[in-house]
Every structure is written in C-alpha cells, then in structure tokens.
Amino acid sequence: MQQGNNGVSDTLEKERPVFGAKYFSVKKLLDHYGLKKPLDWEEVFGNGYPVEVEIGCGLGEFLNRTAAGCLEKNFVGIEIEWKRLVKTMRKLEAARLSNARLFKLDAAVVFERLIAPRSLAMVYCLFPCPWPKKKHAKNRLFSTKFLRLVNSRLSKGGELQVVTDYQPYVEWIKEASRNTGFKTSTRLIKPRFDTKFEKKWVSAGQNEFFEIIFTKQRHINVPLKEDVELKRFAIKDFVPERFSMEDEKGAVTLIFKDIVFDARRQKAMVQVLVAEENLSQYAWINVEKGADRWRIYLSPGQSLFPTMGINRAIETVYRSAQKTMRD
C-alpha cells in the first residue's frame, strides 16, 4: 500500500465498496507503521496548529463537530473498532475536513510509541467503558500509569477531559490520579455531546453525567517506547517435518499459529501471535536455507512494531528449529 508524505493512504482514490453498496475513503486514516516516530504533527497536518486527541472516538459525532467548529486546531481520533472507524471516516470525508485524522490502534500504544512528549494541547475521552465488575477493574483505561503517560504527552497547562455516566468510576479515577502531575476538578454536567452512548443513557432516563478535568501542573517524564533491533539466527540444519513450537504465557505471550514450507525454495514461514502489554501482533518468521546455513529472521514487508516480544518470538522459533536437527 503506497503512502503519501503525511502518512495517509493514497491507494483508495477510487473508493471501494464496503458493507453492501456504501462507500468510504481511508484518506483520514494514518498509517502508524509507515509514519516516522515520534509523530511530527506539522508534517501530518501541514501546519503548526495545536493538536487535540479524542480517545475512543466511536462513530465520530464529537470529533466531526469539534473539528468543523475549530479549524485553527488539529484533531486526532483513536478507535479500535473498524465499523465505527468507517462511519467516522464517512463523516469526516463528507464534511471535507482537513484538520482531522484517525488511528485504528489501542490508545495506550499510540501514546507510548507515537506521540512525542509535550506535543498535545488537549485530550478527550467521552464515556469510556467503566468495567463495573470488581474483577474487571484492571481493564479500566485511566489507571495511574496511563494518566502519567497522558501527562507526559500534554504541553504545559494541557488538559484531559473524561466524561462518564458511572459515579463509582469517578471515585476510582480520582484515586488513581494521585502523583500523576494533574490537578483535578469534578462536576455534574447536562447532556451536550450527542454521542451514541450519551443518547443511550439519556433514553434510559439519565440526565446528568460526571465530568473530570485534569489540568497539567507538573511534567511527568515517560520516555517514548522505541523500536528494537530485531535478531537474526543461523543453524546448520532444519527438518520442517519435525518442527513444533510450544506456546508461552507471561509478560509476553507467544501462540504458535501455523507453519508453511516450500520444498523447492527450501524455505519455511512460521506464524506466531505475539501478545505483550497493550499490543497484539501476528508475525511471520522465516526459516530459509542459505549457502551453508538455515537463516532465521523476521519476514520482511510486515506491518508491525519491532518490539521485545517480536524478538522473543524469533528466538523461540530459533530454539524450536534447533530441536529438529538430525542427530
């Protein structure tokens, strides 16, 4: 897929159909693998305007309306669900907005790996999942760790706005906000965002919501997570029929998915699911015969982040391949 200078896909000049007879453009979707890291917002948007981020932009109601009303600012929406992103892209394209972009990625990964410290003016999150059950509280987004991360990416005096329908979540977030460099203020507000979830709660009879404003008072230093140099290995022999790989669980989870072997080319490709904090990636790893050795390395051309987990997968394939060697 070819990329433009600002990291936006240029391949769908002729929009293709999706979900029946409807069409959409992906011009607003940023290629997070193709962009240099950390992001240069002036390069992405073509101007030096302040940048604001909405976490979980959903169907794009708030993002579209806010970007249309503030052309002197740039906006980035983060959403992991593809169907929601499609609807948001349609809205942004229909409004012909040049100051809005989108990421299909976990918010923590965007903040950890792509956004430079002190480069954002504002962050929004409207009606995040509160994970109300006690056993699920670990899944809540606004932990102390994540709040410190957001703080590090905000410029001096920058703000984070969180709105929720669930009062116990407010208390949990306020507790988590200690030692995060923020001053917090909380108030009740009336419906004003016109989002899908706000409409849902209003139709259920809820006419007030909880707003928390986090104002940055001191900077918390959280360095950008950088790409790692990927390992390469070599072994004397390899017998694909004997290859097997045990799954691993822990801080890095590896799940063996498939192996494909081309006898003519003397090349195997092993697929591994690599799951580490906030990030899951499928990786194809080559086991390829050279002049006198079998080389083991990450198959080129894949869209993924080079992480410690990917290195762990390459090393595990290497160890597993070693066990196939003839006695």
Protein backbone atom coordinates (compact mmCIF):
# COMPACT_ATOMS: atom_id res chain seq x y z
CA MET A 1 0.00 0.00 0.00
CA GLN A 2 1.58 3.28 -1.08
CA GLN A 3 1.76 6.10 1.42
CA GLY A 4 1.59 9.86 0.93
CA ASN A 5 4.05 12.25 2.53
CA ASN A 6 1.79 12.77 5.52
CA GLY A 7 1.33 9.07 6.24
CA VAL A 8 -2.20 8.88 4.86
CA SER A 9 -3.05 6.04 2.48
CA ASP A 10 -3.33 7.25 -1.12
CA THR A 11 -4.37 3.96 -2.69
CA LEU A 12 -8.13 4.39 -2.48
CA GLU A 13 -8.52 7.37 -4.79
CA LYS A 14 -11.34 5.31 -6.27
CA GLU A 15 -13.30 4.38 -3.20
CA ARG A 16 -14.19 0.73 -2.88
CA PRO A 17 -17.48 -0.70 -1.60
CA VAL A 18 -17.83 -1.98 1.93
CA PHE A 19 -20.86 -3.18 3.89
CA GLY A 20 -23.16 -3.53 0.88
CA ALA A 21 -23.46 -0.66 -1.55
CA LYS A 22 -21.91 2.00 0.69
CA TYR A 23 -18.53 3.60 0.03
CA PHE A 24 -15.88 5.20 2.19
CA SER A 25 -12.43 6.79 1.90
CA VAL A 26 -9.43 5.92 4.07
CA LYS A 27 -7.63 9.19 3.42
CA LYS A 28 -8.09 10.26 7.05
CA LEU A 29 -6.63 7.02 8.45
CA LEU A 30 -2.99 7.35 9.50
CA ASP A 31 -0.57 4.54 8.70
CA HIS A 32 1.03 4.15 12.13
CA TYR A 33 3.62 1.73 10.74
CA GLY A 34 4.73 3.99 7.89
CA LEU A 35 5.00 7.22 9.87
CA LYS A 36 8.27 8.21 11.48
CA LYS A 37 8.26 8.09 15.26
CA PRO A 38 7.55 10.19 17.19
CA LEU A 39 4.98 11.88 15.02
CA ASP A 40 5.74 15.27 13.53
CA TRP A 41 2.32 16.91 13.70
CA GLU A 42 3.32 19.70 11.32
CA GLU A 43 4.24 17.06 8.75
CA VAL A 44 0.99 15.15 9.32
CA PHE A 45 -1.31 18.18 9.06
CA GLY A 46 0.78 20.63 7.06
CA ASN A 47 0.54 23.34 9.71
CA GLY A 48 1.66 24.17 13.24
CA TYR A 49 -1.77 24.39 14.86
CA PRO A 50 -2.34 22.83 18.33
CA VAL A 51 -3.27 19.14 18.32
CA GLU A 52 -6.10 17.60 20.35
CA VAL A 53 -6.82 13.88 20.68
CA GLU A 54 -10.08 12.04 21.31
CA ILE A 55 -9.65 8.57 22.81
CA GLY A 56 -12.41 6.23 21.66
CA CYS A 57 -13.96 8.50 19.04
CA GLY A 58 -16.73 5.95 18.36
CA LEU A 59 -18.95 6.99 15.47
CA GLY A 60 -17.18 10.34 15.18
CA GLU A 61 -20.03 12.62 16.24
CA PHE A 62 -17.99 14.73 18.66
CA LEU A 63 -14.79 14.60 16.59
CA ASN A 64 -16.53 15.73 13.40
CA ARG A 65 -18.46 18.54 15.07
CA THR A 66 -15.48 19.82 17.08
CA ALA A 67 -13.06 19.73 14.13
CA ALA A 68 -15.60 21.55 11.94
CA GLY A 69 -16.02 24.27 14.57
CA CYS A 70 -12.30 24.76 15.31
CA LEU A 71 -10.42 24.96 12.01
CA GLU A 72 -7.48 26.63 13.78
CA LYS A 73 -6.82 23.34 15.64
CA ASN A 74 -5.95 19.80 14.53
CA PHE A 75 -7.75 16.71 15.82
CA VAL A 76 -6.85 13.04 16.06
CA GLY A 77 -9.40 10.33 16.84
CA ILE A 78 -8.35 6.95 18.23
CA GLU A 79 -10.69 4.00 17.78
CA ILE A 80 -10.03 0.25 17.73
CA GLU A 81 -13.31 -0.98 16.22
CA TRP A 82 -13.27 -0.97 12.42
CA LYS A 83 -17.02 -0.48 11.81
CA ARG A 84 -17.03 2.63 13.99
CA LEU A 85 -13.99 3.98 12.17
CA VAL A 86 -15.69 3.50 8.81
CA LYS A 87 -18.65 5.63 9.93
CA THR A 88 -16.29 8.27 11.32
CA MET A 89 -14.30 8.37 8.07
CA ARG A 90 -17.51 8.89 6.12
CA LYS A 91 -18.46 11.84 8.34
CA LEU A 92 -15.05 13.49 8.05
CA GLU A 93 -14.93 12.98 4.29
CA ALA A 94 -18.45 14.34 3.81
CA ALA A 95 -17.53 17.45 5.82
CA ARG A 96 -14.31 17.85 3.77
CA LEU A 97 -12.29 18.45 6.94
CA SER A 98 -8.53 18.78 6.51
CA ASN A 99 -7.82 19.11 10.23
CA ALA A 100 -8.82 15.61 11.40
CA ARG A 101 -7.04 12.25 11.27
CA LEU A 102 -7.67 8.79 12.72
CA PHE A 103 -5.78 5.88 14.26
CA LYS A 104 -7.00 2.28 14.39
CA LEU A 105 -4.93 1.27 17.38
CA ASP A 106 -5.06 0.84 21.14
CA ALA A 107 -4.83 4.26 22.78
CA ALA A 108 -2.02 3.20 25.11
CA VAL A 109 0.11 2.13 22.13
CA VAL A 110 -0.48 5.47 20.37
CA PHE A 111 0.59 7.41 23.46
CA GLU A 112 3.51 5.10 24.27
CA ARG A 113 5.03 4.77 20.80
CA LEU A 114 3.84 7.55 18.51
CA ILE A 115 3.16 10.80 20.37
CA ALA A 116 6.10 12.93 21.44
CA PRO A 117 6.27 14.36 24.97
CA ARG A 118 4.68 17.77 25.44
CA SER A 119 3.12 17.75 21.94
CA LEU A 120 -0.64 17.77 22.71
CA ALA A 121 -2.86 20.62 23.83
CA MET A 122 -5.91 18.61 24.91
CA VAL A 123 -7.14 15.02 25.30
CA TYR A 124 -10.80 13.94 25.45
CA CYS A 125 -12.44 10.68 26.42
CA LEU A 126 -16.23 10.54 26.43
CA PHE A 127 -17.99 7.64 28.13
CA PRO A 128 -15.11 5.14 28.37
CA CYS A 129 -16.08 1.62 29.39
CA PRO A 130 -16.22 1.67 33.23
CA TRP A 131 -15.79 -2.12 33.61
CA PRO A 132 -18.19 -2.06 36.59
CA LYS A 133 -17.44 -5.56 37.90
CA LYS A 134 -14.69 -5.61 40.51
CA LYS A 135 -12.83 -8.45 38.79
CA HIS A 136 -12.71 -6.41 35.57
CA ALA A 137 -11.45 -3.16 37.15
CA LYS A 138 -7.90 -3.97 35.94
CA ASN A 139 -9.14 -3.29 32.39
CA ARG A 140 -10.04 0.33 33.11
CA LEU A 141 -8.13 2.78 30.97
CA PHE A 142 -7.41 5.63 33.36
CA SER A 143 -5.02 3.89 35.72
CA THR A 144 -2.24 5.80 37.45
CA LYS A 145 0.20 4.51 34.83
CA PHE A 146 -1.92 5.71 31.90
CA LEU A 147 -2.63 9.09 33.49
CA ARG A 148 1.12 9.64 33.94
CA LEU A 149 1.59 8.71 30.28
CA VAL A 150 -1.07 11.22 29.15
CA ASN A 151 0.50 13.88 31.37
CA SER A 152 3.86 13.36 29.68
CA ARG A 153 2.35 13.92 26.21
CA LEU A 154 0.45 17.10 27.14
CA SER A 155 2.06 20.51 26.80
CA LYS A 156 2.32 22.90 29.75
CA GLY A 157 -1.16 23.62 31.12
CA GLY A 158 -2.74 20.99 28.85
CA GLU A 159 -5.93 19.26 29.90
CA LEU A 160 -7.59 15.86 29.85
CA GLN A 161 -11.40 15.72 29.92
CA VAL A 162 -13.14 12.49 30.93
CA VAL A 163 -16.93 12.16 30.98
CA THR A 164 -18.72 9.13 32.39
CA ASP A 165 -22.19 8.03 33.40
CA TYR A 166 -20.86 5.82 36.22
CA GLN A 167 -20.18 7.52 39.56
CA PRO A 168 -18.05 4.73 41.13
CA TYR A 169 -15.68 5.06 38.15
CA VAL A 170 -15.21 8.74 39.03
CA GLU A 171 -14.03 7.85 42.52
CA TRP A 172 -11.73 5.16 41.14
CA ILE A 173 -10.17 7.61 38.65
CA LYS A 174 -9.71 10.29 41.31
CA GLU A 175 -7.85 7.78 43.48
CA ALA A 176 -5.71 6.75 40.50
CA SER A 177 -4.87 10.39 39.72
CA ARG A 178 -2.61 10.81 42.76
CA ASN A 179 1.01 11.56 41.86
CA THR A 180 0.21 11.97 38.16
CA GLY A 181 1.07 15.68 37.91
CA PHE A 182 -2.57 16.73 37.46
CA LYS A 183 -4.93 18.98 39.35
CA THR A 184 -8.43 17.51 39.09
CA SER A 185 -11.89 19.06 39.26
CA THR A 186 -15.20 17.24 39.06
CA ARG A 187 -18.70 18.45 38.30
CA LEU A 188 -22.09 17.29 37.07
CA ILE A 189 -22.99 18.31 33.51
CA LYS A 190 -26.03 18.07 31.29
CA PRO A 191 -26.03 16.09 28.02
CA ARG A 192 -24.10 18.03 25.39
CA PHE A 193 -22.01 15.67 23.25
CA ASP A 194 -24.72 13.93 21.22
CA THR A 195 -22.77 10.67 21.03
CA LYS A 196 -24.23 7.19 20.73
CA PHE A 197 -23.56 6.33 24.37
CA GLU A 198 -24.77 9.65 25.70
CA LYS A 199 -28.04 9.16 23.79
CA LYS A 200 -28.31 5.64 25.22
CA TRP A 201 -28.06 6.85 28.81
CA VAL A 202 -30.40 9.79 28.20
CA SER A 203 -33.02 7.45 26.69
CA ALA A 204 -32.66 5.33 29.85
CA GLY A 205 -33.52 8.37 31.97
CA GLN A 206 -30.07 9.71 32.97
CA ASN A 207 -29.90 13.48 32.50
CA GLU A 208 -26.66 14.29 34.32
CA PHE A 209 -23.14 12.99 33.78
CA PHE A 210 -19.84 13.20 35.63
CA GLU A 211 -17.06 15.31 34.14
CA ILE A 212 -13.47 15.18 35.37
CA ILE A 213 -10.99 17.79 34.16
CA PHE A 214 -7.31 17.03 34.64
CA THR A 215 -5.10 20.12 34.33
CA LYS A 216 -1.37 19.55 33.98
CA GLN A 217 0.54 21.25 36.79
CA ARG A 218 3.90 19.47 36.64
CA HIS A 219 5.50 17.36 33.96
CA ILE A 220 5.83 13.59 34.39
CA ASN A 221 8.62 12.17 32.27
CA VAL A 222 7.60 9.00 30.42
CA PRO A 223 10.03 8.29 27.56
CA LEU A 224 8.76 7.16 24.19
CA LYS A 225 8.91 3.40 23.65
CA GLU A 226 11.32 2.87 20.80
CA ASP A 227 11.62 0.14 18.19
CA VAL A 228 14.17 -2.56 18.99
CA GLU A 229 16.77 -4.06 16.67
CA LEU A 230 15.47 -7.43 15.59
CA LYS A 231 17.57 -10.56 16.00
CA ARG A 232 18.71 -12.98 13.32
CA PHE A 233 19.93 -16.53 13.88
CA ALA A 234 21.51 -19.35 11.87
CA ILE A 235 21.56 -23.13 12.33
CA LYS A 236 23.34 -25.92 10.49
CA ASP A 237 20.26 -27.95 9.60
CA PHE A 238 16.48 -27.83 9.74
CA VAL A 239 13.84 -30.55 9.30
CA PRO A 240 10.43 -28.91 8.82
CA GLU A 241 8.51 -32.17 9.40
CA ARG A 242 9.86 -32.26 12.95
CA PHE A 243 9.10 -28.63 13.77
CA SER A 244 6.86 -27.91 16.73
CA MET A 245 6.66 -24.91 19.00
CA GLU A 246 5.18 -24.73 22.46
CA ASP A 247 3.05 -21.72 23.38
CA GLU A 248 4.41 -19.42 26.08
CA LYS A 249 2.42 -17.34 28.54
CA GLY A 250 3.56 -14.45 30.70
CA ALA A 251 4.50 -10.79 30.24
CA VAL A 252 4.99 -11.81 26.61
CA THR A 253 2.59 -14.48 25.32
CA LEU A 254 3.51 -16.43 22.20
CA ILE A 255 0.99 -18.63 20.41
CA PHE A 256 2.12 -20.79 17.51
CA LYS A 257 -0.42 -20.45 14.68
CA ASP A 258 0.96 -22.06 11.51
CA ILE A 259 3.96 -23.25 9.51
CA VAL A 260 4.22 -23.25 5.71
CA PHE A 261 7.13 -24.95 3.92
CA ASP A 262 8.19 -24.60 0.30
CA ALA A 263 10.38 -27.61 -0.50
CA ARG A 264 11.52 -26.21 -3.85
CA ARG A 265 12.73 -22.96 -2.33
CA GLN A 266 13.82 -24.63 0.93
CA LYS A 267 12.00 -22.02 2.95
CA ALA A 268 9.61 -22.26 5.88
CA MET A 269 7.42 -19.48 7.30
CA VAL A 270 6.23 -19.74 10.88
CA GLN A 271 3.34 -17.60 12.08
CA VAL A 272 3.26 -16.56 15.75
CA LEU A 273 0.78 -14.43 17.66
CA VAL A 274 2.76 -12.13 19.94
CA ALA A 275 0.84 -10.51 22.81
CA GLU A 276 2.55 -8.07 25.15
CA GLU A 277 1.31 -5.12 27.18
CA ASN A 278 -1.38 -3.24 25.19
CA LEU A 279 -0.23 -4.78 21.92
CA SER A 280 -1.01 -7.99 19.98
CA GLN A 281 0.68 -8.68 16.64
CA TYR A 282 0.89 -11.54 14.16
CA ALA A 283 4.43 -12.17 12.96
CA TRP A 284 5.71 -14.38 10.13
CA ILE A 285 9.23 -15.65 10.80
CA ASN A 286 11.36 -17.14 8.01
CA VAL A 287 13.50 -20.26 8.30
CA GLU A 288 15.37 -20.16 4.99
CA LYS A 289 18.24 -22.23 3.64
CA GLY A 290 21.34 -20.29 2.61
CA ALA A 291 24.65 -21.42 1.15
CA ASP A 292 25.67 -23.41 4.22
CA ARG A 293 23.19 -22.45 6.96
CA TRP A 294 19.49 -22.03 7.60
CA ARG A 295 18.78 -18.39 8.42
CA ILE A 296 16.03 -17.42 10.87
CA TYR A 297 14.70 -13.86 10.74
CA LEU A 298 11.51 -11.79 10.63
CA SER A 299 9.89 -11.99 7.21
CA PRO A 300 10.26 -8.55 5.57
CA GLY A 301 7.38 -6.36 4.47
CA GLN A 302 5.15 -6.86 7.51
CA SER A 303 3.27 -4.03 9.20
CA LEU A 304 4.17 -4.37 12.86
CA PHE A 305 6.07 -2.67 15.65
CA PRO A 306 9.56 -4.16 16.23
CA THR A 307 9.29 -4.95 19.95
CA MET A 308 10.92 -7.13 22.58
CA GLY A 309 8.01 -9.54 22.08
CA ILE A 310 8.78 -9.93 18.37
CA ASN A 311 12.41 -10.64 19.28
CA ARG A 312 11.20 -13.22 21.77
CA ALA A 313 9.17 -14.90 19.01
CA ILE A 314 12.17 -15.01 16.64
CA GLU A 315 14.34 -16.51 19.36
CA THR A 316 11.68 -19.11 20.24
CA VAL A 317 11.36 -20.17 16.60
CA TYR A 318 15.16 -20.47 16.52
CA ARG A 319 15.24 -22.71 19.59
CA SER A 320 12.38 -24.82 18.23
CA ALA A 321 14.11 -25.15 14.85
CA GLN A 322 17.31 -26.27 16.54
CA LYS A 323 15.47 -29.24 18.02
CA THR A 324 14.61 -30.54 14.54
CA MET A 325 18.23 -31.07 13.54
CA ARG A 326 19.25 -34.62 12.69
CA ASP A 327 21.34 -36.50 15.25
